[in-house]
C-alpha atoms as a PDB file:
ATOM      1  CA  MET A   1     218.420  48.838 -86.506  1.00  0.00           C
ATOM      2  CA  ASN A   2     221.621  47.641 -84.861  1.00  0.00           C
ATOM      3  CA  ASP A   3     220.063  44.115 -83.619  1.00  0.00           C
ATOM      4  CA  PRO A   4     220.153  41.397 -86.652  1.00  0.00           C
ATOM      5  CA  ALA A   5     218.458  39.225 -83.835  1.00  0.00           C
ATOM      6  CA  GLY A   6     215.948  41.502 -82.975  1.00  0.00           C
ATOM      7  CA  LEU A   7     215.289  43.117 -86.309  1.00  0.00           C
ATOM      8  CA  ALA A   8     215.185  39.061 -87.440  1.00  0.00           C
ATOM      9  CA  ALA A   9     212.160  39.000 -85.621  1.00  0.00           C
ATOM     10  CA  TRP A  10     210.440  41.904 -86.466  1.00  0.00           C
ATOM     11  CA  LEU A  11     210.932  40.430 -90.162  1.00  0.00           C
ATOM     12  CA  ARG A  12     209.424  37.358 -89.226  1.00  0.00           C
ATOM     13  CA  LEU A  13     206.229  38.944 -87.722  1.00  0.00           C
ATOM     14  CA  ALA A  14     205.753  41.519 -90.671  1.00  0.00           C
ATOM     15  CA  LEU A  15     206.205  38.534 -93.436  1.00  0.00           C
ATOM     16  CA  ILE A  16     204.319  36.255 -92.474  1.00  0.00           C
ATOM     17  CA  PRO A  17     201.286  36.383 -95.115  1.00  0.00           C
ATOM     18  CA  GLY A  18     197.185  36.773 -94.197  1.00  0.00           C
ATOM     19  CA  ILE A  19     198.693  38.779 -91.158  1.00  0.00           C
ATOM     20  CA  GLY A  20     197.500  42.481 -91.874  1.00  0.00           C
ATOM     21  CA  GLY A  21     198.856  45.178 -89.715  1.00  0.00           C
ATOM     22  CA  GLU A  22     196.056  45.509 -87.490  1.00  0.00           C
ATOM     23  CA  SER A  23     196.637  42.170 -86.357  1.00  0.00           C
ATOM     24  CA  GLN A  24     200.583  42.722 -86.258  1.00  0.00           C
ATOM     25  CA  ARG A  25     199.518  45.685 -84.186  1.00  0.00           C
ATOM     26  CA  LYS A  26     197.380  43.886 -82.139  1.00  0.00           C
ATOM     27  CA  LEU A  27     199.986  41.622 -81.430  1.00  0.00           C
ATOM     28  CA  LEU A  28     202.625  44.183 -80.331  1.00  0.00           C
ATOM     29  CA  ALA A  29     199.700  45.602 -78.076  1.00  0.00           C
ATOM     30  CA  ALA A  30     199.408  42.448 -76.432  1.00  0.00           C
ATOM     31  CA  PHE A  31     202.819  41.133 -75.419  1.00  0.00           C
ATOM     32  CA  GLY A  32     206.209  43.542 -76.665  1.00  0.00           C
ATOM     33  CA  LEU A  33     208.434  42.993 -79.297  1.00  0.00           C
ATOM     34  CA  PRO A  34     207.747  40.065 -81.780  1.00  0.00           C
ATOM     35  CA  GLU A  35     210.477  37.996 -80.119  1.00  0.00           C
ATOM     36  CA  ALA A  36     207.791  37.968 -77.158  1.00  0.00           C
ATOM     37  CA  VAL A  37     204.976  37.213 -79.243  1.00  0.00           C
ATOM     38  CA  PHE A  38     206.472  34.229 -80.856  1.00  0.00           C
ATOM     39  CA  ALA A  39     208.007  32.720 -77.457  1.00  0.00           C
ATOM     40  CA  ALA A  40     204.031  33.083 -76.205  1.00  0.00           C
ATOM     41  CA  GLY A  41     203.161  30.099 -78.310  1.00  0.00           C
ATOM     42  CA  SER A  42     199.937  29.490 -80.549  1.00  0.00           C
ATOM     43  CA  LEU A  43     196.959  29.586 -77.811  1.00  0.00           C
ATOM     44  CA  ALA A  44     198.233  32.899 -76.037  1.00  0.00           C
ATOM     45  CA  VAL A  45     198.100  34.127 -79.455  1.00  0.00           C
ATOM     46  CA  ARG A  46     194.644  32.570 -80.501  1.00  0.00           C
ATOM     47  CA  GLN A  47     193.567  35.046 -77.572  1.00  0.00           C
ATOM     48  CA  ILE A  48     194.180  37.825 -79.875  1.00  0.00           C
ATOM     49  CA  ILE A  49     194.288  37.379 -83.542  1.00  0.00           C
ATOM     50  CA  SER A  50     191.785  33.960 -83.610  1.00  0.00           C
ATOM     51  CA  SER A  51     191.970  31.111 -86.123  1.00  0.00           C
ATOM     52  CA  ARG A  52     194.903  33.361 -87.820  1.00  0.00           C
ATOM     53  CA  ALA A  53     197.308  32.325 -84.987  1.00  0.00           C
ATOM     54  CA  ASP A  54     198.541  29.070 -86.490  1.00  0.00           C
ATOM     55  CA  LEU A  55     199.956  31.466 -89.107  1.00  0.00           C
ATOM     56  CA  LEU A  56     202.478  33.025 -87.231  1.00  0.00           C
ATOM     57  CA  PHE A  57     204.383  29.544 -86.484  1.00  0.00           C
ATOM     58  CA  GLU A  58     203.556  27.495 -90.218  1.00  0.00           C
ATOM     59  CA  HIS A  59     204.777  30.237 -91.858  1.00  0.00           C
ATOM     60  CA  ASP A  60     208.305  29.732 -93.056  1.00  0.00           C
ATOM     61  CA  SER A  61     209.726  32.754 -93.858  1.00  0.00           C
ATOM     62  CA  ALA A  62     213.821  32.088 -93.510  1.00  0.00           C
ATOM     63  CA  ASP A  63     214.885  33.274 -96.529  1.00  0.00           C
ATOM     64  CA  LEU A  64     213.392  36.577 -96.999  1.00  0.00           C
ATOM     65  CA  VAL A  65     214.068  37.594 -93.469  1.00  0.00           C
ATOM     66  CA  GLU A  66     218.153  36.994 -94.482  1.00  0.00           C
ATOM     67  CA  ARG A  67     217.583  38.504 -97.769  1.00  0.00           C
ATOM     68  CA  SER A  68     216.058  41.497 -95.877  1.00  0.00           C
ATOM     69  CA  LEU A  69     218.738  41.796 -93.504  1.00  0.00           C
ATOM     70  CA  ASN A  70     221.596  41.363 -96.401  1.00  0.00           C
ATOM     71  CA  TRP A  71     219.965  44.122 -97.611  1.00  0.00           C
ATOM     72  CA  ALA A  72     219.597  46.361 -94.486  1.00  0.00           C
ATOM     73  CA  ALA A  73     223.389  45.845 -94.126  1.00  0.00           C
ATOM     74  CA  GLN A  74     224.620  47.430 -97.025  1.00  0.00           C
ATOM     75  CA  PRO A  75     225.510  51.106 -96.891  1.00  0.00           C
ATOM     76  CA  GLY A  76     222.558  53.335 -97.526  1.00  0.00           C
ATOM     77  CA  ASN A  77     219.875  50.811 -96.350  1.00  0.00           C
ATOM     78  CA  ALA A  78     218.115  50.211 -93.615  1.00  0.00           C
ATOM     79  CA  ILE A  79     215.159  48.815 -91.750  1.00  0.00           C
ATOM     80  CA  VAL A  80     213.345  51.068 -89.001  1.00  0.00           C
ATOM     81  CA  THR A  81     210.737  49.650 -86.798  1.00  0.00           C
ATOM     82  CA  LEU A  82     208.243  51.064 -84.917  1.00  0.00           C
ATOM     83  CA  ALA A  83     210.239  50.604 -82.127  1.00  0.00           C
ATOM     84  CA  ASP A  84     213.418  52.427 -83.438  1.00  0.00           C
ATOM     85  CA  ALA A  85     214.003  56.226 -82.762  1.00  0.00           C
ATOM     86  CA  ALA A  86     214.201  56.547 -86.477  1.00  0.00           C
ATOM     87  CA  TYR A  87     210.857  55.202 -87.236  1.00  0.00           C
ATOM     88  CA  PRO A  88     209.078  58.568 -88.453  1.00  0.00           C
ATOM     89  CA  GLN A  89     207.321  59.973 -86.297  1.00  0.00           C
ATOM     90  CA  SER A  90     204.753  61.546 -87.480  1.00  0.00           C
ATOM     91  CA  LEU A  91     203.621  58.292 -89.179  1.00  0.00           C
ATOM     92  CA  LEU A  92     202.700  57.335 -85.504  1.00  0.00           C
ATOM     93  CA  GLU A  93     200.009  59.724 -85.599  1.00  0.00           C
ATOM     94  CA  ILE A  94     197.895  57.903 -88.487  1.00  0.00           C
ATOM     95  CA  PRO A  95     195.618  55.200 -87.741  1.00  0.00           C
ATOM     96  CA  ASP A  96     197.511  52.212 -89.439  1.00  0.00           C
ATOM     97  CA  PRO A  97     201.396  52.926 -89.685  1.00  0.00           C
ATOM     98  CA  PRO A  98     203.313  49.757 -90.942  1.00  0.00           C
ATOM     99  CA  ILE A  99     205.329  48.303 -88.287  1.00  0.00           C
ATOM    100  CA  LEU A 100     208.581  48.659 -89.987  1.00  0.00           C
ATOM    101  CA  LEU A 101     209.910  50.539 -92.770  1.00  0.00           C
ATOM    102  CA  TYR A 102     212.204  49.904 -96.048  1.00  0.00           C
ATOM    103  CA  LEU A 103     214.271  53.126 -96.455  1.00  0.00           C
ATOM    104  CA  ARG A 104     217.321  54.040 -98.875  1.00  0.00           C
ATOM    105  CA  GLY A 105     219.202  57.376 -98.162  1.00  0.00           C
ATOM    106  CA  ASP A 106     219.192  59.017 -94.529  1.00  0.00           C
ATOM    107  CA  PRO A 107     216.544  58.122 -92.082  1.00  0.00           C
ATOM    108  CA  ALA A 108     217.135  61.215 -90.577  1.00  0.00           C
ATOM    109  CA  HIS A 109     214.868  63.110 -94.046  1.00  0.00           C
ATOM    110  CA  LEU A 110     211.399  60.698 -92.401  1.00  0.00           C
ATOM    111  CA  GLN A 111     211.861  63.448 -89.413  1.00  0.00           C
ATOM    112  CA  GLY A 112     211.016  66.266 -91.231  1.00  0.00           C
ATOM    113  CA  ARG A 113     207.195  67.638 -91.456  1.00  0.00           C
ATOM    114  CA  GLY A 114     207.131  68.805 -94.887  1.00  0.00           C
ATOM    115  CA  LEU A 115     204.340  69.389 -98.008  1.00  0.00           C
ATOM    116  CA  ALA A 116     203.392  66.005-100.400  1.00  0.00           C
ATOM    117  CA  ILE A 117     202.784  67.139-103.950  1.00  0.00           C
ATOM    118  CA  VAL A 118     200.852  64.950-106.126  1.00  0.00           C
ATOM    119  CA  GLY A 119     199.242  65.300-108.823  1.00  0.00           C
ATOM    120  CA  SER A 120     197.970  63.382-112.529  1.00  0.00           C
ATOM    121  CA  ARG A 121     200.387  60.506-114.293  1.00  0.00           C
ATOM    122  CA  ASN A 122     199.617  62.202-117.804  1.00  0.00           C
ATOM    123  CA  ALA A 123     199.920  65.522-116.291  1.00  0.00           C
ATOM    124  CA  THR A 124     200.178  68.542-118.718  1.00  0.00           C
ATOM    125  CA  PRO A 125     203.681  70.459-119.303  1.00  0.00           C
ATOM    126  CA  GLN A 126     202.110  73.138-117.359  1.00  0.00           C
ATOM    127  CA  GLY A 127     201.229  70.781-114.390  1.00  0.00           C
ATOM    128  CA  CYS A 128     204.593  69.360-114.737  1.00  0.00           C
ATOM    129  CA  GLN A 129     206.289  73.147-114.362  1.00  0.00           C
ATOM    130  CA  THR A 130     204.110  74.337-111.815  1.00  0.00           C
ATOM    131  CA  ALA A 131     204.519  71.554-109.652  1.00  0.00           C
ATOM    132  CA  GLU A 132     208.280  72.046-109.782  1.00  0.00           C
ATOM    133  CA  SER A 133     208.303  75.661-109.139  1.00  0.00           C
ATOM    134  CA  PHE A 134     206.104  74.890-106.231  1.00  0.00           C
ATOM    135  CA  ALA A 135     208.571  72.530-104.514  1.00  0.00           C
ATOM    136  CA  ARG A 136     212.133  74.576-105.862  1.00  0.00           C
ATOM    137  CA  ALA A 137     210.251  77.303-103.505  1.00  0.00           C
ATOM    138  CA  LEU A 138     209.102  75.065-100.818  1.00  0.00           C
ATOM    139  CA  ALA A 139     212.312  73.438-100.684  1.00  0.00           C
ATOM    140  CA  ARG A 140     214.519  76.773-100.557  1.00  0.00           C
ATOM    141  CA  HIS A 141     212.560  77.715 -97.682  1.00  0.00           C
ATOM    142  CA  GLY A 142     213.579  73.970 -95.539  1.00  0.00           C
ATOM    143  CA  LEU A 143     209.950  72.232 -96.388  1.00  0.00           C
ATOM    144  CA  PRO A 144     210.921  68.671 -97.127  1.00  0.00           C
ATOM    145  CA  ILE A 145     208.681  66.963-100.752  1.00  0.00           C
ATOM    146  CA  VAL A 146     207.085  64.190-100.103  1.00  0.00           C
ATOM    147  CA  SER A 147     205.833  62.401-103.257  1.00  0.00           C
ATOM    148  CA  GLY A 148     205.123  58.942-105.275  1.00  0.00           C
ATOM    149  CA  LEU A 149     208.028  58.918-107.440  1.00  0.00           C
ATOM    150  CA  ALA A 150     205.335  58.494-110.195  1.00  0.00           C
ATOM    151  CA  LEU A 151     205.263  60.059-113.621  1.00  0.00           C
ATOM    152  CA  GLY A 152     204.130  63.678-113.949  1.00  0.00           C
ATOM    153  CA  ILE A 153     203.029  65.546-111.304  1.00  0.00           C
ATOM    154  CA  ASP A 154     205.450  63.021-108.460  1.00  0.00           C
ATOM    155  CA  ALA A 155     208.152  63.367-110.926  1.00  0.00           C
ATOM    156  CA  ALA A 156     208.099  67.426-111.146  1.00  0.00           C
ATOM    157  CA  ALA A 157     207.727  68.126-107.377  1.00  0.00           C
ATOM    158  CA  HIS A 158     210.933  65.622-106.366  1.00  0.00           C
ATOM    159  CA  ARG A 159     212.934  67.185-109.264  1.00  0.00           C
ATOM    160  CA  GLY A 160     211.759  70.902-108.192  1.00  0.00           C
ATOM    161  CA  ALA A 161     212.933  70.005-104.434  1.00  0.00           C
ATOM    162  CA  LEU A 162     216.208  68.556-105.832  1.00  0.00           C
ATOM    163  CA  SER A 163     217.162  71.737-107.536  1.00  0.00           C
ATOM    164  CA  GLY A 164     216.151  73.610-105.252  1.00  0.00           C
ATOM    165  CA  GLY A 165     218.513  72.668-102.466  1.00  0.00           C
ATOM    166  CA  GLY A 166     216.083  70.665 -99.930  1.00  0.00           C
ATOM    167  CA  PRO A 167     215.351  67.016 -99.177  1.00  0.00           C
ATOM    168  CA  THR A 168     212.471  64.785-101.146  1.00  0.00           C
ATOM    169  CA  ILE A 169     211.076  61.597 -99.916  1.00  0.00           C
ATOM    170  CA  ALA A 170     209.819  59.394-102.709  1.00  0.00           C
ATOM    171  CA  VAL A 171     207.569  56.604-101.158  1.00  0.00           C
ATOM    172  CA  VAL A 172     206.629  53.754-103.400  1.00  0.00           C
ATOM    173  CA  GLY A 173     204.567  51.270-104.225  1.00  0.00           C
ATOM    174  CA  THR A 174     206.833  48.503-104.982  1.00  0.00           C
ATOM    175  CA  GLY A 175     209.968  47.005-102.764  1.00  0.00           C
ATOM    176  CA  ALA A 176     212.522  49.262-102.360  1.00  0.00           C
ATOM    177  CA  ASP A 177     215.112  47.366-103.907  1.00  0.00           C
ATOM    178  CA  ARG A 178     212.961  48.222-107.188  1.00  0.00           C
ATOM    179  CA  LEU A 179     213.303  51.312-108.612  1.00  0.00           C
ATOM    180  CA  TYR A 180     209.872  51.679-110.322  1.00  0.00           C
ATOM    181  CA  PRO A 181     208.853  53.022-112.996  1.00  0.00           C
ATOM    182  CA  ALA A 182     211.934  52.611-115.410  1.00  0.00           C
ATOM    183  CA  GLY A 183     211.651  56.130-116.866  1.00  0.00           C
ATOM    184  CA  ASN A 184     212.190  57.798-113.488  1.00  0.00           C
ATOM    185  CA  ARG A 185     215.408  55.759-112.424  1.00  0.00           C
ATOM    186  CA  GLU A 186     217.956  58.279-112.852  1.00  0.00           C
ATOM    187  CA  LEU A 187     215.408  60.493-110.692  1.00  0.00           C
ATOM    188  CA  ALA A 188     215.487  57.972-108.090  1.00  0.00           C
ATOM    189  CA  LEU A 189     219.255  58.321-107.665  1.00  0.00           C
ATOM    190  CA  ALA A 190     220.070  61.562-107.108  1.00  0.00           C
ATOM    191  CA  ILE A 191     216.587  61.451-104.556  1.00  0.00           C
ATOM    192  CA  LEU A 192     218.863  58.868-103.089  1.00  0.00           C
ATOM    193  CA  GLU A 193     222.090  61.394-103.201  1.00  0.00           C
ATOM    194  CA  GLN A 194     219.626  64.243-101.472  1.00  0.00           C
ATOM    195  CA  GLY A 195     216.933  62.712 -99.750  1.00  0.00           C
ATOM    196  CA  ALA A 196     215.191  59.259 -99.025  1.00  0.00           C
ATOM    197  CA  LEU A 197     213.091  56.632-100.423  1.00  0.00           C
ATOM    198  CA  VAL A 198     210.513  54.198 -98.209  1.00  0.00           C
ATOM    199  CA  SER A 199     208.677  51.476 -99.198  1.00  0.00           C
ATOM    200  CA  GLU A 200     206.055  49.070 -96.377  1.00  0.00           C
ATOM    201  CA  PHE A 201     206.333  46.383 -98.587  1.00  0.00           C
ATOM    202  CA  PRO A 202     208.620  43.069 -98.785  1.00  0.00           C
ATOM    203  CA  LEU A 203     212.039  43.497-100.871  1.00  0.00           C
ATOM    204  CA  GLY A 204     210.637  42.536-104.343  1.00  0.00           C
ATOM    205  CA  THR A 205     207.599  43.094-104.526  1.00  0.00           C
ATOM    206  CA  PRO A 206     206.332  44.301-108.001  1.00  0.00           C
ATOM    207  CA  PRO A 207     204.329  47.325-108.893  1.00  0.00           C
ATOM    208  CA  LEU A 208     200.576  45.772-108.413  1.00  0.00           C
ATOM    209  CA  ALA A 209     198.330  48.051-108.448  1.00  0.00           C
ATOM    210  CA  ALA A 210     196.588  47.326-105.369  1.00  0.00           C
ATOM    211  CA  ASN A 211     200.030  48.538-103.277  1.00  0.00           C
ATOM    212  CA  PHE A 212     199.421  52.364-104.917  1.00  0.00           C
ATOM    213  CA  PRO A 213     196.332  53.450-103.191  1.00  0.00           C
ATOM    214  CA  ARG A 214     197.753  51.873 -99.898  1.00  0.00           C
ATOM    215  CA  ARG A 215     201.493  53.416-100.259  1.00  0.00           C
ATOM    216  CA  ASN A 216     199.857  56.387-100.819  1.00  0.00           C
ATOM    217  CA  ARG A 217     198.402  56.991 -96.832  1.00  0.00           C
ATOM    218  CA  LEU A 218     202.427  56.772 -96.674  1.00  0.00           C
ATOM    219  CA  ILE A 219     202.772  59.924 -98.951  1.00  0.00           C
ATOM    220  CA  ALA A 220     200.167  62.511 -96.258  1.00  0.00           C
ATOM    221  CA  GLY A 221     201.470  60.463 -93.303  1.00  0.00           C
ATOM    222  CA  LEU A 222     204.723  61.638 -93.823  1.00  0.00           C
ATOM    223  CA  ALA A 223     203.720  65.874 -94.693  1.00  0.00           C
ATOM    224  CA  ARG A 224     202.079  68.759 -92.650  1.00  0.00           C
ATOM    225  CA  GLY A 225     200.243  68.767 -95.902  1.00  0.00           C
ATOM    226  CA  VAL A 226     199.592  67.786 -99.275  1.00  0.00           C
ATOM    227  CA  LEU A 227     199.077  70.044-102.364  1.00  0.00           C
ATOM    228  CA  VAL A 228     197.455  68.719-105.381  1.00  0.00           C
ATOM    229  CA  VAL A 229     198.287  70.354-108.681  1.00  0.00           C
ATOM    230  CA  GLU A 230     196.435  68.308-111.765  1.00  0.00           C
ATOM    231  CA  ALA A 231     193.831  65.326-110.845  1.00  0.00           C
ATOM    232  CA  ALA A 232     191.278  64.125-112.469  1.00  0.00           C
ATOM    233  CA  PRO A 233     188.191  62.944-110.587  1.00  0.00           C
ATOM    234  CA  GLN A 234     188.439  59.312-108.659  1.00  0.00           C
ATOM    235  CA  SER A 235     192.398  59.994-109.186  1.00  0.00           C
ATOM    236  CA  GLY A 236     194.638  58.406-106.625  1.00  0.00           C
ATOM    237  CA  SER A 237     195.713  62.159-105.874  1.00  0.00           C
ATOM    238  CA  LEU A 238     192.148  62.480-104.508  1.00  0.00           C
ATOM    239  CA  ILE A 239     192.381  59.174-102.039  1.00  0.00           C
ATOM    240  CA  THR A 240     195.507  60.899-100.783  1.00  0.00           C
ATOM    241  CA  ALA A 241     194.072  64.061-100.614  1.00  0.00           C
ATOM    242  CA  ARG A 242     190.887  62.684 -98.449  1.00  0.00           C
ATOM    243  CA  LEU A 243     193.540  59.974 -96.182  1.00  0.00           C
ATOM    244  CA  ALA A 244     195.211  63.632 -95.346  1.00  0.00           C
ATOM    245  CA  ALA A 245     192.073  65.044 -94.258  1.00  0.00           C
ATOM    246  CA  GLU A 246     191.473  62.260 -91.612  1.00  0.00           C
ATOM    247  CA  GLN A 247     194.661  62.415 -90.775  1.00  0.00           C
ATOM    248  CA  GLY A 248     194.190  66.321 -89.478  1.00  0.00           C
ATOM    249  CA  ARG A 249     196.736  67.358 -92.211  1.00  0.00           C
ATOM    250  CA  GLU A 250     196.227  70.838 -94.203  1.00  0.00           C
ATOM    251  CA  VAL A 251     195.223  70.359 -97.834  1.00  0.00           C
ATOM    252  CA  PHE A 252     195.743  72.483-100.923  1.00  0.00           C
ATOM    253  CA  ALA A 253     194.727  72.689-104.245  1.00  0.00           C
ATOM    254  CA  ILE A 254     195.985  74.371-107.957  1.00  0.00           C
ATOM    255  CA  PRO A 255     192.779  75.623-109.589  1.00  0.00           C
ATOM    256  CA  GLY A 256     193.056  75.403-113.457  1.00  0.00           C
ATOM    257  CA  SER A 257     190.860  75.761-116.658  1.00  0.00           C
ATOM    258  CA  ILE A 258     187.346  74.432-116.602  1.00  0.00           C
ATOM    259  CA  HIS A 259     187.962  73.165-119.776  1.00  0.00           C
ATOM    260  CA  SER A 260     190.671  70.823-118.954  1.00  0.00           C
ATOM    261  CA  PRO A 261     189.551  67.675-117.368  1.00  0.00           C
ATOM    262  CA  LEU A 262     192.599  67.760-114.981  1.00  0.00           C
ATOM    263  CA  SER A 263     191.710  70.591-113.466  1.00  0.00           C
ATOM    264  CA  ARG A 264     188.005  68.905-111.940  1.00  0.00           C
ATOM    265  CA  GLY A 265     189.239  67.066-109.267  1.00  0.00           C
ATOM    266  CA  CYS A 266     191.667  70.330-107.867  1.00  0.00           C
ATOM    267  CA  HIS A 267     187.900  72.062-108.154  1.00  0.00           C
ATOM    268  CA  GLN A 268     185.994  69.342-106.305  1.00  0.00           C
ATOM    269  CA  LEU A 269     188.471  68.941-103.548  1.00  0.00           C
ATOM    270  CA  ILE A 270     187.972  73.274-103.221  1.00  0.00           C
ATOM    271  CA  LYS A 271     184.828  72.963-103.547  1.00  0.00           C
ATOM    272  CA  GLN A 272     184.805  70.613 -99.891  1.00  0.00           C
ATOM    273  CA  GLY A 273     187.429  72.993 -97.918  1.00  0.00           C
ATOM    274  CA  ALA A 274     191.151  72.815 -99.805  1.00  0.00           C
ATOM    275  CA  LYS A 275     192.469  75.788 -99.559  1.00  0.00           C
ATOM    276  CA  LEU A 276     193.118  77.249-103.138  1.00  0.00           C
ATOM    277  CA  VAL A 277     196.648  78.191-103.780  1.00  0.00           C
ATOM    278  CA  GLU A 278     198.213  80.185-106.221  1.00  0.00           C
ATOM    279  CA  THR A 279     201.777  80.980-104.909  1.00  0.00           C
ATOM    280  CA  ALA A 280     204.304  78.830-102.329  1.00  0.00           C
ATOM    281  CA  THR A 281     203.736  82.177-100.561  1.00  0.00           C
ATOM    282  CA  ASP A 282     200.166  80.947 -99.309  1.00  0.00           C
ATOM    283  CA  ILE A 283     201.528  77.664 -97.836  1.00  0.00           C
ATOM    284  CA  LEU A 284     204.175  78.821 -96.036  1.00  0.00           C
ATOM    285  CA  GLU A 285     201.927  81.336 -94.295  1.00  0.00           C
ATOM    286  CA  GLU A 286     199.221  78.792 -93.955  1.00  0.00           C
ATOM    287  CA  PHE A 287     201.973  76.685 -92.148  1.00  0.00           C
ATOM    288  CA  ALA A 288     203.457  79.545 -90.090  1.00  0.00           C
ATOM    289  CA  ALA A 289     206.579  79.671 -91.667  1.00  0.00           C
ATOM    290  CA  ALA A 290     208.901  82.156 -91.585  1.00  0.00           C
ATOM    291  CA  PRO A 291     211.078  82.780 -95.183  1.00  0.00           C
ATOM    292  CA  ALA A 292     214.436  82.779 -94.959  1.00  0.00           C
ATOM    293  CA  GLU A 293     214.287  85.034 -98.432  1.00  0.00           C
ATOM    294  CA  SER A 294     210.698  86.041-100.889  1.00  0.00           C
ATOM    295  CA  PRO A 295     209.863  83.080-102.251  1.00  0.00           C
ATOM    296  CA  PRO A 296     209.919  83.075-106.357  1.00  0.00           C
ATOM    297  CA  GLU A 297     207.227  84.853-107.560  1.00  0.00           C
ATOM    298  CA  PRO A 298     206.223  84.498-111.333  1.00  0.00           C
ATOM    299  CA  ALA A 299     207.378  87.978-112.704  1.00  0.00           C
ATOM    300  CA  ALA A 300     204.006  88.226-114.915  1.00  0.00           C
ATOM    301  CA  ALA A 301     202.231  87.610-110.745  1.00  0.00           C
ATOM    302  CA  ALA A 302     200.866  91.479-111.726  1.00  0.00           C
ATOM    303  CA  ALA A 303     200.775  91.806-115.348  1.00  0.00           C
ATOM    304  CA  GLY A 304     199.434  94.796-116.637  1.00  0.00           C
ATOM    305  CA  ASP A 305     197.529  94.983-120.124  1.00  0.00           C
ATOM    306  CA  ASP A 306     200.927  95.756-122.283  1.00  0.00           C
ATOM    307  CA  HIS A 307     202.218  92.331-121.294  1.00  0.00           C
ATOM    308  CA  PRO A 308     204.091  91.287-124.184  1.00  0.00           C
ATOM    309  CA  LEU A 309     201.666  87.566-124.145  1.00  0.00           C
ATOM    310  CA  LEU A 310     199.390  89.580-123.752  1.00  0.00           C
ATOM    311  CA  ILE A 311     199.877  91.610-126.362  1.00  0.00           C
ATOM    312  CA  ALA A 312     200.853  88.634-128.673  1.00  0.00           C
ATOM    313  CA  LEU A 313     197.545  86.882-127.456  1.00  0.00           C
ATOM    314  CA  GLY A 314     195.331  89.172-128.783  1.00  0.00           C
ATOM    315  CA  HIS A 315     191.719  88.565-128.135  1.00  0.00           C
ATOM    316  CA  ASP A 316     190.923  84.772-129.944  1.00  0.00           C
ATOM    317  CA  PRO A 317     191.960  81.671-129.222  1.00  0.00           C
ATOM    318  CA  CYS A 318     196.009  80.913-130.013  1.00  0.00           C
ATOM    319  CA  SER A 319     198.229  77.869-129.971  1.00  0.00           C
ATOM    320  CA  LEU A 320     201.673  77.562-128.079  1.00  0.00           C
ATOM    321  CA  ASP A 321     203.127  77.332-131.876  1.00  0.00           C
ATOM    322  CA  GLU A 322     201.554  80.435-133.253  1.00  0.00           C
ATOM    323  CA  LEU A 323     202.711  82.500-129.944  1.00  0.00           C
ATOM    324  CA  ALA A 324     206.314  80.944-130.608  1.00  0.00           C
ATOM    325  CA  ALA A 325     205.898  82.422-133.836  1.00  0.00           C
ATOM    326  CA  ARG A 326     204.772  85.993-132.885  1.00  0.00           C
ATOM    327  CA  THR A 327     207.330  86.520-130.101  1.00  0.00           C
ATOM    328  CA  GLY A 328     210.058  84.691-130.812  1.00  0.00           C
ATOM    329  CA  LEU A 329     210.512  82.115-127.610  1.00  0.00           C
ATOM    330  CA  SER A 330     210.839  79.241-127.102  1.00  0.00           C
ATOM    331  CA  ALA A 331     208.245  76.593-125.699  1.00  0.00           C
ATOM    332  CA  ASP A 332     210.013  76.050-122.294  1.00  0.00           C
ATOM    333  CA  HIS A 333     209.768  80.193-121.915  1.00  0.00           C
ATOM    334  CA  LEU A 334     206.717  80.428-123.016  1.00  0.00           C
ATOM    335  CA  LEU A 335     204.703  77.723-120.837  1.00  0.00           C
ATOM    336  CA  GLY A 336     206.277  79.224-118.098  1.00  0.00           C
ATOM    337  CA  GLU A 337     204.705  83.093-118.778  1.00  0.00           C
ATOM    338  CA  LEU A 338     201.724  81.457-119.591  1.00  0.00           C
ATOM    339  CA  LEU A 339     201.378  79.105-116.767  1.00  0.00           C
ATOM    340  CA  THR A 340     202.038  82.097-114.539  1.00  0.00           C
ATOM    341  CA  LEU A 341     199.086  84.431-116.159  1.00  0.00           C
ATOM    342  CA  GLU A 342     196.989  81.446-116.139  1.00  0.00           C
ATOM    343  CA  LEU A 343     197.332  81.356-112.223  1.00  0.00           C
ATOM    344  CA  ALA A 344     197.083  85.545-111.850  1.00  0.00           C
ATOM    345  CA  GLY A 345     193.415  84.919-114.060  1.00  0.00           C
ATOM    346  CA  ARG A 346     194.357  86.491-117.158  1.00  0.00           C
ATOM    347  CA  ILE A 347     194.326  83.359-119.511  1.00  0.00           C
ATOM    348  CA  ALA A 348     192.957  80.705-119.877  1.00  0.00           C
ATOM    349  CA  CYS A 349     194.484  77.336-121.740  1.00  0.00           C
ATOM    350  CA  LEU A 350     191.769  75.533-123.943  1.00  0.00           C
ATOM    351  CA  PRO A 351     191.589  71.629-125.449  1.00  0.00           C
ATOM    352  CA  GLY A 352     194.424  71.202-127.867  1.00  0.00           C
ATOM    353  CA  ASN A 353     196.922  73.356-126.362  1.00  0.00           C
ATOM    354  CA  ARG A 354     195.372  76.532-126.928  1.00  0.00           C
ATOM    355  CA  TYR A 355     194.681  80.264-125.029  1.00  0.00           C
ATOM    356  CA  GLN A 356     192.735  82.632-124.797  1.00  0.00           C
ATOM    357  CA  ARG A 357     192.892  86.211-122.920  1.00  0.00           C
ATOM    358  CA  LEU A 358     189.939  86.642-120.621  1.00  0.00           C
ATOM    359  CA  VAL A 359     191.037  90.171-119.447  1.00  0.00           C
END
């Protein structure tokens, strides 16, 4: 990271349109460092990547290389390459590691093997609270939390990790110099203080739809496992879970109401072998972690029939507003208690934000 000339060659190789990661790695395997690739000449390079060899010597990326070097020279920014000790070791285990990463924050956080938490951008309040509480509990036990800085579950996971005092890593689908989405700008700045933001895409890359599924392999690759909180079938979160399984990572899923479309993706994963989890302890035990303290468990996890909310619910579907009127509790407080009861199998969340007592 400290050799501008060497880094310039890495950037030059990475920034050539039409030369993807597979070709870049083939060239590095054949010639060694990027300087040697360019010194080898077109004829030698053509033996490795056929007709695309001329692209290496015809494309002029000098302006973007210089811009990238200036960006990396700023405090808090870095560009790490496959040759750097700071490159995440966990990404060396995946089939297609990027040859370089743009990083904001502390590079040391990329060496931690924690948990990725992903889910729907259009998450329910209960789903966001679940993601946040799991992330908080796991962060308190020293597990870094990895996610994608998207709205919904991703943002909740990052917030939980920050409030739990642990590091969190945001893997973004834009250039590292862009904070997207705009609604998570303040969250992103907080992550830079307590974690790291990482991207494989060149500076200035806008939020292109095709880039987000691609970045999901890095979310999975930077973690020991992936927890899916809420996900519809065919969602990007299921792509992350599939990539995690292919990379040999653990896959966890939180079940939900059979009436909720956002539970179907999680139920699908569980049917396919993902571990059903109800508490942070389930994940800690799977990781063979030795908790420094008991993870915070919801007070109502073993709620009896005399639990005040079960009494207030009665045996007919009830809305959140009706429950607030019956109990005098705030909506935020109720959502936390209702989530606990739902995870304990005592109630179900019905369409229309209504709740039904099960037992």
